[in-house]
């Protein structure tokens, strides 16, 4: 497969996505959302974090287009933006497992 060079705009967008994942808490949130959509309260309970902390991290993840929120009455249910996010996280986890083999 022929690969094209990354434009400055595309590099900027990709860096924004990477910054969205540049926190262990945000990675944990994304990993939890791989299991299915959930509201902030349940997400906070699952991760042992405050709702305020989870909400702040979700704001960053939404900005990076890694998660989306859908209103269900008075509740917002969060899920991964699309299947590409799941694949991206799966690939990163696979890469991580390969890097630990040679340690």
N, C-alpha and C. Protein backbone atom coordinates (compact mmCIF):
# COMPACT_ATOMS: atom_id res chain seq x y z
N UNK A 1 0.84 -1.17 0.00
CA UNK A 1 0.00 0.00 0.00
C UNK A 1 0.89 1.24 0.00
N UNK A 2 0.61 2.15 -0.90
CA UNK A 2 1.38 3.39 -0.99
C UNK A 2 0.91 4.35 0.09
N UNK A 3 1.85 4.97 0.76
CA UNK A 3 1.52 5.90 1.84
C UNK A 3 1.82 7.32 1.38
N UNK A 4 0.92 8.22 1.68
CA UNK A 4 1.12 9.61 1.34
C UNK A 4 1.69 10.35 2.54
N UNK A 5 2.36 11.44 2.26
CA UNK A 5 2.92 12.25 3.34
C UNK A 5 1.80 12.91 4.12
N UNK A 6 2.05 13.09 5.37
CA UNK A 6 1.09 13.74 6.26
C UNK A 6 1.19 15.25 6.08
N UNK A 7 0.05 15.87 5.83
CA UNK A 7 0.03 17.33 5.70
C UNK A 7 0.13 17.96 7.08
N UNK A 8 0.43 19.22 7.13
CA UNK A 8 0.51 19.94 8.40
C UNK A 8 -0.85 19.92 9.10
N UNK A 9 -1.92 20.12 8.34
CA UNK A 9 -3.26 20.10 8.93
C UNK A 9 -3.59 18.72 9.51
N UNK A 10 -3.27 17.68 8.76
CA UNK A 10 -3.54 16.33 9.25
C UNK A 10 -2.69 16.01 10.48
N UNK A 11 -1.44 16.46 10.48
CA UNK A 11 -0.57 16.26 11.64
C UNK A 11 -1.11 16.98 12.86
N UNK A 12 -1.64 18.17 12.66
CA UNK A 12 -2.24 18.93 13.76
C UNK A 12 -3.45 18.21 14.32
N UNK A 13 -4.31 17.71 13.43
CA UNK A 13 -5.50 16.97 13.86
C UNK A 13 -5.12 15.70 14.61
N UNK A 14 -4.12 14.98 14.11
CA UNK A 14 -3.68 13.75 14.75
C UNK A 14 -3.07 14.04 16.13
N UNK A 15 -2.31 15.11 16.22
CA UNK A 15 -1.72 15.49 17.51
C UNK A 15 -2.82 15.81 18.52
N UNK A 16 -3.91 16.41 18.06
CA UNK A 16 -5.04 16.70 18.94
C UNK A 16 -5.68 15.42 19.49
N UNK A 17 -5.79 14.42 18.62
CA UNK A 17 -6.32 13.13 19.07
C UNK A 17 -5.38 12.52 20.10
N UNK A 18 -4.09 12.55 19.81
CA UNK A 18 -3.11 11.98 20.74
C UNK A 18 -3.13 12.72 22.08
N UNK A 19 -3.29 14.04 22.04
CA UNK A 19 -3.38 14.80 23.29
C UNK A 19 -4.62 14.41 24.07
N UNK A 20 -5.69 14.07 23.35
CA UNK A 20 -6.89 13.62 24.01
C UNK A 20 -6.67 12.35 24.81
N UNK A 21 -5.71 11.54 24.39
CA UNK A 21 -5.42 10.29 25.08
C UNK A 21 -4.19 10.39 25.98
N UNK A 22 -3.66 11.59 26.15
CA UNK A 22 -2.42 11.78 26.90
C UNK A 22 -2.63 11.85 28.41
N UNK A 23 -3.59 11.10 28.90
CA UNK A 23 -3.86 11.04 30.33
C UNK A 23 -4.32 9.62 30.66
N UNK A 24 -3.72 9.00 31.68
CA UNK A 24 -4.18 7.66 32.05
C UNK A 24 -5.68 7.62 32.36
N UNK A 25 -6.21 8.67 32.95
CA UNK A 25 -7.64 8.70 33.25
C UNK A 25 -8.47 8.67 31.98
N UNK A 26 -8.08 9.45 30.98
CA UNK A 26 -8.82 9.46 29.72
C UNK A 26 -8.70 8.12 28.99
N UNK A 27 -7.54 7.49 29.08
CA UNK A 27 -7.38 6.16 28.48
C UNK A 27 -8.30 5.17 29.18
N UNK A 28 -8.40 5.26 30.52
CA UNK A 28 -9.30 4.38 31.27
C UNK A 28 -10.76 4.62 30.88
N UNK A 29 -11.13 5.87 30.67
CA UNK A 29 -12.50 6.19 30.25
C UNK A 29 -12.78 5.57 28.88
N UNK A 30 -11.88 5.77 27.94
CA UNK A 30 -12.06 5.21 26.60
C UNK A 30 -12.11 3.68 26.67
N UNK A 31 -11.23 3.09 27.47
CA UNK A 31 -11.24 1.62 27.60
C UNK A 31 -12.58 1.14 28.17
N UNK A 32 -13.12 1.86 29.15
CA UNK A 32 -14.42 1.48 29.72
C UNK A 32 -15.53 1.61 28.68
N UNK A 33 -15.47 2.66 27.87
CA UNK A 33 -16.50 2.88 26.85
C UNK A 33 -16.41 1.85 25.73
N UNK A 34 -15.29 1.15 25.60
CA UNK A 34 -15.20 0.04 24.64
C UNK A 34 -16.19 -1.05 25.01
N UNK A 35 -16.55 -1.14 26.30
CA UNK A 35 -17.48 -2.16 26.79
C UNK A 35 -18.93 -1.78 26.51
N UNK A 36 -19.19 -0.50 26.24
CA UNK A 36 -20.55 -0.06 25.95
C UNK A 36 -20.81 1.34 26.48
N UNK A 37 -21.88 1.93 26.00
CA UNK A 37 -22.26 3.29 26.37
C UNK A 37 -22.70 3.35 27.82
N UNK A 38 -22.46 4.50 28.45
CA UNK A 38 -22.78 4.66 29.87
C UNK A 38 -22.87 6.14 30.21
N UNK A 39 -23.62 6.45 31.24
CA UNK A 39 -23.73 7.82 31.73
C UNK A 39 -22.56 8.18 32.63
N UNK A 40 -22.44 9.46 32.94
CA UNK A 40 -21.33 9.95 33.76
C UNK A 40 -21.33 9.31 35.14
N UNK A 41 -22.48 9.19 35.77
CA UNK A 41 -22.55 8.64 37.13
C UNK A 41 -22.02 7.21 37.17
N UNK A 42 -22.49 6.38 36.25
CA UNK A 42 -22.02 4.99 36.20
C UNK A 42 -20.54 4.92 35.84
N UNK A 43 -20.12 5.78 34.93
CA UNK A 43 -18.71 5.81 34.52
C UNK A 43 -17.83 6.19 35.70
N UNK A 44 -18.24 7.20 36.45
CA UNK A 44 -17.49 7.62 37.63
C UNK A 44 -17.43 6.49 38.66
N UNK A 45 -18.56 5.83 38.89
CA UNK A 45 -18.59 4.70 39.83
C UNK A 45 -17.67 3.57 39.37
N UNK A 46 -17.75 3.23 38.09
CA UNK A 46 -16.92 2.14 37.55
C UNK A 46 -15.43 2.41 37.72
N UNK A 47 -15.04 3.68 37.57
CA UNK A 47 -13.62 4.03 37.61
C UNK A 47 -13.17 4.55 38.97
N UNK A 48 -14.10 4.70 39.90
CA UNK A 48 -13.74 5.20 41.22
C UNK A 48 -13.29 6.65 41.21
N UNK A 49 -13.93 7.45 40.36
CA UNK A 49 -13.59 8.86 40.23
C UNK A 49 -14.81 9.71 40.53
N UNK A 50 -14.58 11.00 40.76
CA UNK A 50 -15.72 11.90 40.97
C UNK A 50 -16.38 12.19 39.62
N UNK A 51 -17.66 12.55 39.68
CA UNK A 51 -18.38 12.92 38.45
C UNK A 51 -17.74 14.14 37.80
N UNK A 52 -17.28 15.08 38.62
CA UNK A 52 -16.65 16.30 38.07
C UNK A 52 -15.39 15.94 37.29
N UNK A 53 -14.59 15.04 37.85
CA UNK A 53 -13.36 14.62 37.16
C UNK A 53 -13.68 13.95 35.84
N UNK A 54 -14.64 13.03 35.87
CA UNK A 54 -15.03 12.32 34.64
C UNK A 54 -15.58 13.30 33.62
N UNK A 55 -16.42 14.22 34.04
CA UNK A 55 -17.00 15.21 33.12
C UNK A 55 -15.92 16.06 32.46
N UNK A 56 -14.93 16.48 33.24
CA UNK A 56 -13.83 17.28 32.67
C UNK A 56 -13.04 16.50 31.63
N UNK A 57 -12.78 15.23 31.92
CA UNK A 57 -12.04 14.40 30.96
C UNK A 57 -12.89 14.10 29.73
N UNK A 58 -14.19 13.90 29.92
CA UNK A 58 -15.07 13.67 28.77
C UNK A 58 -15.11 14.88 27.84
N UNK A 59 -15.03 16.08 28.40
CA UNK A 59 -15.00 17.29 27.58
C UNK A 59 -13.79 17.26 26.64
N UNK A 60 -12.63 16.88 27.16
CA UNK A 60 -11.42 16.79 26.33
C UNK A 60 -11.59 15.71 25.27
N UNK A 61 -12.13 14.57 25.67
CA UNK A 61 -12.33 13.47 24.72
C UNK A 61 -13.34 13.82 23.64
N UNK A 62 -14.38 14.56 24.00
CA UNK A 62 -15.36 15.02 22.98
C UNK A 62 -14.69 15.97 22.00
N UNK A 63 -13.89 16.89 22.53
CA UNK A 63 -13.20 17.85 21.67
C UNK A 63 -12.28 17.14 20.66
N UNK A 64 -11.66 16.05 21.10
CA UNK A 64 -10.77 15.28 20.23
C UNK A 64 -11.55 14.31 19.34
N UNK A 65 -12.87 14.33 19.44
CA UNK A 65 -13.76 13.46 18.66
C UNK A 65 -13.45 11.97 18.90
N UNK A 66 -13.18 11.66 20.16
CA UNK A 66 -12.98 10.27 20.56
C UNK A 66 -14.23 9.69 21.20
N UNK A 67 -15.05 10.54 21.84
CA UNK A 67 -16.32 10.10 22.42
C UNK A 67 -17.41 11.07 22.00
N UNK A 68 -18.64 10.61 22.13
CA UNK A 68 -19.79 11.46 21.87
C UNK A 68 -20.83 11.21 22.94
N UNK A 69 -21.63 12.21 23.16
CA UNK A 69 -22.71 12.09 24.13
C UNK A 69 -24.05 12.18 23.45
N UNK A 70 -24.98 11.33 23.86
CA UNK A 70 -26.33 11.31 23.32
C UNK A 70 -27.30 11.51 24.48
N UNK A 71 -28.19 12.48 24.33
CA UNK A 71 -29.15 12.77 25.39
C UNK A 71 -30.22 11.68 25.45
N UNK A 72 -30.45 11.20 26.68
CA UNK A 72 -31.52 10.24 26.94
C UNK A 72 -32.33 10.80 28.10
N UNK A 73 -33.33 11.63 27.78
CA UNK A 73 -34.07 12.35 28.81
C UNK A 73 -33.17 13.41 29.44
N UNK A 74 -32.98 13.30 30.75
CA UNK A 74 -32.12 14.26 31.45
C UNK A 74 -30.67 13.79 31.54
N UNK A 75 -30.42 12.61 31.06
CA UNK A 75 -29.09 12.01 31.15
C UNK A 75 -28.39 12.06 29.80
N UNK A 76 -27.08 12.24 29.83
CA UNK A 76 -26.28 12.12 28.61
C UNK A 76 -25.52 10.80 28.71
N UNK A 77 -25.69 9.98 27.70
CA UNK A 77 -25.02 8.69 27.65
C UNK A 77 -23.83 8.83 26.70
N UNK A 78 -22.66 8.43 27.19
CA UNK A 78 -21.43 8.56 26.40
C UNK A 78 -21.03 7.25 25.78
N UNK A 79 -20.50 7.35 24.57
CA UNK A 79 -20.00 6.18 23.84
C UNK A 79 -18.80 6.62 23.01
N UNK A 80 -18.08 5.65 22.48
CA UNK A 80 -16.97 5.98 21.59
C UNK A 80 -17.53 6.60 20.32
N UNK A 81 -16.78 7.51 19.74
CA UNK A 81 -17.24 8.27 18.58
C UNK A 81 -17.63 7.34 17.43
N UNK A 82 -16.80 6.35 17.14
CA UNK A 82 -17.11 5.37 16.10
C UNK A 82 -16.20 4.17 16.26
N UNK A 83 -16.36 3.20 15.38
CA UNK A 83 -15.59 1.96 15.45
C UNK A 83 -14.09 2.20 15.27
N UNK A 84 -13.71 3.30 14.60
CA UNK A 84 -12.29 3.59 14.41
C UNK A 84 -11.59 3.84 15.74
N UNK A 85 -12.29 4.42 16.70
CA UNK A 85 -11.69 4.66 18.01
C UNK A 85 -11.40 3.32 18.69
N UNK A 86 -12.33 2.39 18.60
CA UNK A 86 -12.11 1.06 19.16
C UNK A 86 -10.90 0.41 18.50
N UNK A 87 -10.84 0.47 17.19
CA UNK A 87 -9.71 -0.12 16.46
C UNK A 87 -8.40 0.55 16.83
N UNK A 88 -8.43 1.87 16.99
CA UNK A 88 -7.23 2.63 17.35
C UNK A 88 -6.72 2.18 18.72
N UNK A 89 -7.62 2.05 19.69
CA UNK A 89 -7.25 1.63 21.03
C UNK A 89 -6.77 0.18 21.01
N UNK A 90 -7.46 -0.67 20.27
CA UNK A 90 -7.03 -2.07 20.16
C UNK A 90 -5.62 -2.16 19.58
N UNK A 91 -5.35 -1.38 18.55
CA UNK A 91 -4.02 -1.39 17.94
C UNK A 91 -2.96 -0.88 18.91
N UNK A 92 -3.28 0.17 19.64
CA UNK A 92 -2.33 0.71 20.62
C UNK A 92 -2.04 -0.32 21.71
N UNK A 93 -3.08 -1.03 22.17
CA UNK A 93 -2.89 -2.05 23.19
C UNK A 93 -2.07 -3.21 22.64
N UNK A 94 -2.30 -3.57 21.40
CA UNK A 94 -1.53 -4.63 20.76
C UNK A 94 -0.07 -4.21 20.65
N UNK A 95 0.16 -2.98 20.27
CA UNK A 95 1.53 -2.46 20.18
C UNK A 95 2.21 -2.52 21.54
N UNK A 96 1.48 -2.12 22.57
CA UNK A 96 2.02 -2.13 23.92
C UNK A 96 2.43 -3.54 24.34
N UNK A 97 1.61 -4.52 24.00
CA UNK A 97 1.95 -5.90 24.37
C UNK A 97 3.21 -6.37 23.65
N UNK A 98 3.44 -5.88 22.42
CA UNK A 98 4.64 -6.24 21.69
C UNK A 98 5.88 -5.57 22.28
N UNK A 99 5.71 -4.36 22.80
CA UNK A 99 6.88 -3.66 23.34
C UNK A 99 7.33 -4.26 24.67
N UNK A 100 6.42 -4.92 25.40
CA UNK A 100 6.78 -5.54 26.68
C UNK A 100 7.42 -6.91 26.51
N UNK A 101 7.30 -7.50 25.33
CA UNK A 101 7.87 -8.83 25.09
C UNK A 101 9.39 -8.79 25.19
N UNK A 102 10.00 -7.71 24.70
CA UNK A 102 11.46 -7.65 24.66
C UNK A 102 12.07 -7.05 25.92
N UNK A 103 11.26 -6.67 26.92
CA UNK A 103 11.81 -6.11 28.15
C UNK A 103 12.54 -7.15 28.97
